[in-house]
C-alpha atoms as a PDB file:
ATOM      1  CA  MET A   1     -15.776  19.231  47.076  1.00  0.00           C
ATOM      2  CA  LYS A   2     -16.004  16.469  43.904  1.00  0.00           C
ATOM      3  CA  PHE A   3     -14.805  19.215  41.702  1.00  0.00           C
ATOM      4  CA  TRP A   4     -11.331  17.871  41.840  1.00  0.00           C
ATOM      5  CA  TRP A   5     -12.901  14.416  40.774  1.00  0.00           C
ATOM      6  CA  VAL A   6     -13.657  16.042  37.144  1.00  0.00           C
ATOM      7  CA  GLY A   7     -10.178  17.128  36.755  1.00  0.00           C
ATOM      8  CA  VAL A   8      -8.378  13.782  37.665  1.00  0.00           C
ATOM      9  CA  GLY A   9     -11.070  12.210  35.507  1.00  0.00           C
ATOM     10  CA  ALA A  10     -10.298  14.336  32.742  1.00  0.00           C
ATOM     11  CA  PHE A  11      -6.868  14.206  32.882  1.00  0.00           C
ATOM     12  CA  ILE A  12      -6.973  10.111  32.882  1.00  0.00           C
ATOM     13  CA  PHE A  13      -9.076  10.543  29.992  1.00  0.00           C
ATOM     14  CA  VAL A  14      -6.155  13.049  28.243  1.00  0.00           C
ATOM     15  CA  ILE A  15      -3.846  10.683  28.845  1.00  0.00           C
ATOM     16  CA  GLY A  16      -5.954   7.541  27.321  1.00  0.00           C
ATOM     17  CA  VAL A  17      -6.465   9.298  24.410  1.00  0.00           C
ATOM     18  CA  PHE A  18      -2.763   9.807  23.945  1.00  0.00           C
ATOM     19  CA  ILE A  19      -1.600   6.714  24.333  1.00  0.00           C
ATOM     20  CA  LEU A  20      -3.809   5.441  22.323  1.00  0.00           C
ATOM     21  CA  SER A  21      -3.228   7.477  19.716  1.00  0.00           C
ATOM     22  CA  LEU A  22       0.242   6.611  20.089  1.00  0.00           C
ATOM     23  CA  LEU A  23      -1.021   3.214  19.245  1.00  0.00           C
ATOM     24  CA  LEU A  24      -3.127   3.620  16.338  1.00  0.00           C
ATOM     25  CA  VAL A  25      -0.080   5.468  14.699  1.00  0.00           C
ATOM     26  CA  LYS A  26       2.418   2.231  15.447  1.00  0.00           C
ATOM     27  CA  LEU A  27      -0.362  -0.006  14.064  1.00  0.00           C
ATOM     28  CA  LEU A  28      -1.114   2.295  10.632  1.00  0.00           C
ATOM     29  CA  TRP A  29       2.925   2.749  10.256  1.00  0.00           C
ATOM     30  CA  ALA A  30       2.921  -1.122  10.409  1.00  0.00           C
ATOM     31  CA  TRP A  31      -0.006  -1.556   8.192  1.00  0.00           C
ATOM     32  CA  THR A  32       0.533   0.809   5.432  1.00  0.00           C
ATOM     33  CA  ILE A  33       4.344   1.669   4.881  1.00  0.00           C
ATOM     34  CA  PRO A  34       5.249  -1.823   3.830  1.00  0.00           C
ATOM     35  CA  ASP A  35       2.749  -2.116   1.520  1.00  0.00           C
ATOM     36  CA  LEU A  36       3.567   1.390  -0.022  1.00  0.00           C
ATOM     37  CA  CYS A  37       7.273   1.306   0.089  1.00  0.00           C
ATOM     38  CA  PRO A  38       8.029  -2.217  -0.391  1.00  0.00           C
ATOM     39  CA  GLY A  39      11.279  -1.850  -1.767  1.00  0.00           C
ATOM     40  CA  ALA A  40      12.782   0.788   0.450  1.00  0.00           C
ATOM     41  CA  VAL A  41      11.424  -1.454   3.329  1.00  0.00           C
ATOM     42  CA  LYS A  42      13.345  -4.256   1.585  1.00  0.00           C
ATOM     43  CA  GLU A  43      16.503  -2.173   1.216  1.00  0.00           C
ATOM     44  CA  GLY A  44      16.143  -0.910   5.046  1.00  0.00           C
ATOM     45  CA  LEU A  45      15.724   3.026   3.704  1.00  0.00           C
ATOM     46  CA  VAL A  46      12.256   2.759   5.467  1.00  0.00           C
ATOM     47  CA  ALA A  47      11.679   1.395   9.098  1.00  0.00           C
ATOM     48  CA  LYS A  48       9.500  -1.577   8.649  1.00  0.00           C
ATOM     49  CA  THR A  49       8.146  -0.682  12.578  1.00  0.00           C
ATOM     50  CA  ILE A  50       8.740   1.836  14.841  1.00  0.00           C
ATOM     51  CA  SER A  51       9.112   2.793  18.473  1.00  0.00           C
ATOM     52  CA  TRP A  52       7.053   4.284  21.073  1.00  0.00           C
ATOM     53  CA  TYR A  53       9.506   7.178  20.827  1.00  0.00           C
ATOM     54  CA  THR A  54       9.176   7.922  16.986  1.00  0.00           C
ATOM     55  CA  SER A  55       5.192   7.280  17.333  1.00  0.00           C
ATOM     56  CA  PHE A  56       5.444  10.379  19.802  1.00  0.00           C
ATOM     57  CA  LYS A  57       7.422  12.470  17.232  1.00  0.00           C
ATOM     58  CA  VAL A  58       5.056  11.379  14.091  1.00  0.00           C
ATOM     59  CA  ALA A  59       2.038  11.992  16.762  1.00  0.00           C
ATOM     60  CA  ILE A  60       3.575  15.235  17.535  1.00  0.00           C
ATOM     61  CA  PHE A  61       4.665  16.133  14.152  1.00  0.00           C
ATOM     62  CA  VAL A  62       1.038  15.250  12.988  1.00  0.00           C
ATOM     63  CA  ALA A  63      -0.432  17.686  15.600  1.00  0.00           C
ATOM     64  CA  VAL A  64       1.651  20.565  14.262  1.00  0.00           C
ATOM     65  CA  LEU A  65       0.477  19.908  10.617  1.00  0.00           C
ATOM     66  CA  PHE A  66      -3.286  20.129  11.576  1.00  0.00           C
ATOM     67  CA  GLY A  67      -2.478  22.809  13.707  1.00  0.00           C
ATOM     68  CA  LEU A  68      -0.984  25.098  11.204  1.00  0.00           C
ATOM     69  CA  GLY A  69      -4.037  24.103   8.895  1.00  0.00           C
ATOM     70  CA  ARG A  70      -6.877  25.138  11.164  1.00  0.00           C
ATOM     71  CA  THR A  71      -4.915  28.717  11.967  1.00  0.00           C
ATOM     72  CA  SER A  72      -4.288  29.546   8.099  1.00  0.00           C
ATOM     73  CA  VAL A  73      -8.240  28.384   6.989  1.00  0.00           C
ATOM     74  CA  LYS A  74      -9.258  30.770   9.909  1.00  0.00           C
ATOM     75  CA  LYS A  75     -10.266  34.190   8.868  1.00  0.00           C
END
């Protein structure tokens, strides 16, 4: 009877981790990119900050890269 609470709790946890990862991508971008590429940011070639949607796309890209890396390492 109380099993569905576990599913709801797991779903809320996954959503929380997802939102936290998007926030982490946004913060890391704003913290590192202007320091690593100041000339490109100044000329407008690279964005100084990114939107939530762009953060989502970067997170998906990184997840795919890590997924591909894990499958190529397995024997």
